[in-house]
Amino acid sequence: MNILAALPRIIAAAAIFFVPATAPQSQEKTPAADTQKSPALKPGSEMEQLKFLRGYWHYTSTYDKTNFYPNGGTGHGTYTTTEGPGGFSQIAEFQGSSPDGFESGHEVTTWDPREQAYKSYIFGNNFPGCVIRTGHWDGNNLIFDADFEMGGMKLHLQSSTSANADGSVTIVEKFGADGGPLQTTLTLKATREKI
């Protein structure tokens, strides 16, 4: 076999095997395409509205005489609220006293764009799991509602948080049992520590 006669076939065979292997290399992304990334997500205005709750707070609470607290009572404590990762949540750490004794825990609050509502997840030392609340603004009041079972009773909890002109915050909690009317059980006033 004449090598010169075979050379065109060898080149053609090489072209068939090597050209496809080199073609993708010529279609690689350019450096400009690599640097084009989608913009980073940012928290919406809903999380901005919660910034009034950030800081280190001292609170005092008054418990009304109800089925839940027949003798009423008082409590006090502290909580700290900080921005969560990326600003998409707020995290509150709390501890203090109540008619039930020592209480501590943490709460994570975020905005759920699918539900178009705030979601709050509360973990505490005096109950298992977490209480999940759903929230919305009603004028200047931030309202959260939750339904859960405790001690065989179906409970509904409603919490209303409002900012006061003096920079303090007032929280009013109401409970209803087994579909009954809501009763105010707790009024809490928190004052931010000056840093």
Protein backbone atom coordinates (compact mmCIF):
# COMPACT_ATOMS: atom_id res chain seq x y z
CA MET A 1 0.00 0.00 0.00
CA ASN A 2 1.26 3.38 -1.03
CA ILE A 3 1.54 5.65 2.01
CA LEU A 4 0.82 8.70 -0.10
CA ALA A 5 -2.39 7.15 -1.37
CA ALA A 6 -3.44 6.23 2.16
CA LEU A 7 -2.66 9.66 3.61
CA PRO A 8 -5.92 11.30 2.52
CA ARG A 9 -7.90 8.47 4.16
CA ILE A 10 -5.88 8.81 7.40
CA ILE A 11 -6.47 12.55 7.43
CA ALA A 12 -10.17 12.03 6.75
CA ALA A 13 -10.39 9.45 9.56
CA ALA A 14 -8.53 11.76 11.90
CA ALA A 15 -10.90 14.56 10.99
CA ILE A 16 -13.90 12.38 11.80
CA PHE A 17 -12.51 11.38 15.23
CA PHE A 18 -10.75 14.55 16.31
CA VAL A 19 -12.85 17.39 14.96
CA PRO A 20 -15.90 16.60 17.11
CA ALA A 21 -13.61 16.35 20.13
CA THR A 22 -12.18 19.77 19.45
CA ALA A 23 -15.44 21.48 18.46
CA PRO A 24 -16.83 21.72 22.02
CA GLN A 25 -13.56 23.26 23.12
CA SER A 26 -14.11 26.08 20.67
CA GLN A 27 -17.63 26.60 22.10
CA GLU A 28 -16.50 27.07 25.68
CA LYS A 29 -18.04 29.96 27.62
CA THR A 30 -16.27 33.21 27.35
CA PRO A 31 -15.07 34.88 30.53
CA ALA A 32 -17.86 37.46 30.15
CA ALA A 33 -20.48 34.68 30.20
CA ASP A 34 -18.95 33.26 33.40
CA THR A 35 -19.24 36.56 35.21
CA GLN A 36 -22.90 37.05 34.33
CA LYS A 37 -24.70 35.75 37.41
CA SER A 38 -28.23 36.35 38.51
CA PRO A 39 -28.50 39.16 41.04
CA ALA A 40 -28.39 38.15 44.71
CA LEU A 41 -31.78 37.93 46.37
CA LYS A 42 -32.56 40.57 48.96
CA PRO A 43 -35.19 40.61 51.68
CA GLY A 44 -38.39 42.44 50.83
CA SER A 45 -39.94 45.42 52.57
CA GLU A 46 -41.84 43.02 54.86
CA MET A 47 -38.64 42.23 56.77
CA GLU A 48 -37.73 45.94 56.86
CA GLN A 49 -41.01 46.56 58.72
CA LEU A 50 -39.86 44.28 61.57
CA LYS A 51 -36.65 46.19 62.33
CA PHE A 52 -38.38 48.08 65.16
CA LEU A 53 -38.15 44.84 67.16
CA ARG A 54 -34.36 44.56 66.96
CA GLY A 55 -32.20 45.21 70.00
CA TYR A 56 -31.78 44.19 73.63
CA TRP A 57 -34.99 44.56 75.65
CA HIS A 58 -36.13 44.35 79.27
CA TYR A 59 -39.76 43.45 79.79
CA THR A 60 -42.37 43.32 82.52
CA SER A 61 -45.57 41.35 82.06
CA THR A 62 -48.94 41.30 83.79
CA TYR A 63 -51.06 38.15 83.67
CA ASP A 64 -54.83 38.63 83.93
CA LYS A 65 -56.93 36.36 86.14
CA THR A 66 -58.31 33.83 83.66
CA ASN A 67 -58.88 30.09 83.39
CA PHE A 68 -55.23 29.86 82.36
CA TYR A 69 -53.95 31.94 85.31
CA PRO A 70 -56.64 31.88 88.05
CA ASN A 71 -54.46 33.99 90.36
CA GLY A 72 -53.06 36.27 87.67
CA GLY A 73 -49.46 37.24 88.27
CA THR A 74 -46.46 39.11 86.97
CA GLY A 75 -43.25 38.32 85.18
CA HIS A 76 -40.11 39.95 83.89
CA GLY A 77 -37.12 39.14 81.75
CA THR A 78 -35.03 40.03 78.73
CA TYR A 79 -34.93 39.28 75.06
CA THR A 80 -32.57 40.07 72.22
CA THR A 81 -33.67 40.31 68.61
CA THR A 82 -31.13 40.22 65.79
CA GLU A 83 -31.15 39.95 62.02
CA GLY A 84 -31.04 36.39 60.70
CA PRO A 85 -28.85 35.16 57.81
CA GLY A 86 -29.11 37.42 54.77
CA GLY A 87 -31.77 39.54 56.48
CA PHE A 88 -34.50 37.04 55.53
CA SER A 89 -35.41 36.39 59.17
CA GLN A 90 -35.22 37.80 62.67
CA ILE A 91 -34.11 35.73 65.63
CA ALA A 92 -35.19 36.48 69.19
CA GLU A 93 -33.66 34.86 72.27
CA PHE A 94 -35.68 35.29 75.48
CA GLN A 95 -35.61 34.32 79.14
CA GLY A 96 -37.51 35.39 82.20
CA SER A 97 -40.11 34.52 84.79
CA SER A 98 -43.86 33.95 84.62
CA PRO A 99 -46.49 32.52 86.99
CA ASP A 100 -45.44 29.13 85.57
CA GLY A 101 -41.80 29.67 86.62
CA PHE A 102 -38.66 30.15 84.55
CA GLU A 103 -39.09 30.35 80.78
CA SER A 104 -36.57 30.56 77.97
CA GLY A 105 -36.45 29.96 74.28
CA HIS A 106 -36.02 31.44 70.89
CA GLU A 107 -38.21 32.57 68.03
CA VAL A 108 -37.47 32.82 64.32
CA THR A 109 -39.69 35.10 62.24
CA THR A 110 -39.65 35.31 58.45
CA TRP A 111 -41.81 36.40 55.52
CA ASP A 112 -43.36 33.60 53.44
CA PRO A 113 -43.94 34.96 49.92
CA ARG A 114 -46.15 32.00 48.93
CA GLU A 115 -48.55 32.61 51.83
CA GLN A 116 -48.08 36.39 51.72
CA ALA A 117 -47.78 36.26 55.51
CA TYR A 118 -45.20 36.26 58.30
CA LYS A 119 -44.32 32.92 59.86
CA SER A 120 -42.99 32.66 63.39
CA TYR A 121 -41.48 29.53 64.94
CA ILE A 122 -41.22 29.55 68.74
CA PHE A 123 -39.18 27.00 70.69
CA GLY A 124 -39.33 27.02 74.48
CA ASN A 125 -38.24 25.17 77.57
CA ASN A 126 -41.76 24.38 78.76
CA PHE A 127 -43.26 22.65 75.69
CA PRO A 128 -42.06 20.12 73.08
CA GLY A 129 -41.67 20.93 69.39
CA CYS A 130 -42.50 24.46 68.34
CA VAL A 131 -45.46 26.79 68.12
CA ILE A 132 -45.97 27.96 64.54
CA ARG A 133 -47.69 31.31 64.14
CA THR A 134 -48.94 33.18 61.07
CA GLY A 135 -48.82 36.96 61.08
CA HIS A 136 -49.98 40.09 59.29
CA TRP A 137 -50.23 43.83 59.88
CA ASP A 138 -53.54 45.29 61.02
CA GLY A 139 -52.88 49.02 60.89
CA ASN A 140 -49.96 49.61 63.30
CA ASN A 141 -50.43 46.27 65.06
CA LEU A 142 -48.50 43.16 64.10
CA ILE A 143 -50.94 40.28 64.70
CA PHE A 144 -49.90 36.63 64.99
CA ASP A 145 -52.29 33.67 65.31
CA ALA A 146 -51.55 30.05 66.18
CA ASP A 147 -53.59 26.92 66.80
CA PHE A 148 -52.16 24.02 68.78
CA GLU A 149 -53.03 21.35 71.34
CA MET A 150 -51.84 21.27 74.93
CA GLY A 151 -53.05 19.02 77.71
CA GLY A 152 -55.84 17.64 75.50
CA MET A 153 -57.24 21.12 74.78
CA LYS A 154 -57.32 22.82 71.40
CA LEU A 155 -55.97 26.31 71.92
CA HIS A 156 -55.95 29.43 69.80
CA LEU A 157 -53.32 32.03 70.60
CA GLN A 158 -53.41 35.57 69.27
CA SER A 159 -50.61 38.04 69.88
CA SER A 160 -50.68 41.75 69.01
CA THR A 161 -47.43 43.75 68.99
CA SER A 162 -47.33 47.52 68.70
CA ALA A 163 -44.60 50.15 68.86
CA ASN A 164 -45.22 53.00 71.31
CA ALA A 165 -44.29 56.65 70.84
CA ASP A 166 -41.71 56.42 73.65
CA GLY A 167 -39.80 53.64 71.81
CA SER A 168 -41.19 50.84 73.97
CA VAL A 169 -43.19 47.90 72.62
CA THR A 170 -46.46 46.49 73.97
CA ILE A 171 -47.50 42.89 73.37
CA VAL A 172 -51.00 41.68 74.25
CA GLU A 173 -51.64 37.93 74.16
CA LYS A 174 -55.07 36.32 74.09
CA PHE A 175 -55.98 32.65 74.41
CA GLY A 176 -59.13 30.74 73.54
CA ALA A 177 -59.77 27.11 74.43
CA ASP A 178 -61.80 24.58 72.45
CA GLY A 179 -63.32 27.21 70.16
CA GLY A 180 -64.28 29.56 73.01
CA PRO A 181 -63.83 33.34 72.97
CA LEU A 182 -60.37 34.85 73.22
CA GLN A 183 -59.42 36.14 76.68
CA THR A 184 -56.57 38.55 77.32
CA THR A 185 -54.08 36.61 79.39
CA LEU A 186 -50.93 38.70 79.17
CA THR A 187 -49.89 42.31 78.63
CA LEU A 188 -46.15 42.78 78.22
CA LYS A 189 -44.26 46.05 77.97
CA ALA A 190 -40.67 45.98 76.70
CA THR A 191 -38.12 48.78 76.87
CA ARG A 192 -35.04 48.76 74.67
CA GLU A 193 -31.69 48.97 76.43
CA LYS A 194 -29.72 52.05 75.42
CA ILE A 195 -26.35 50.98 74.03
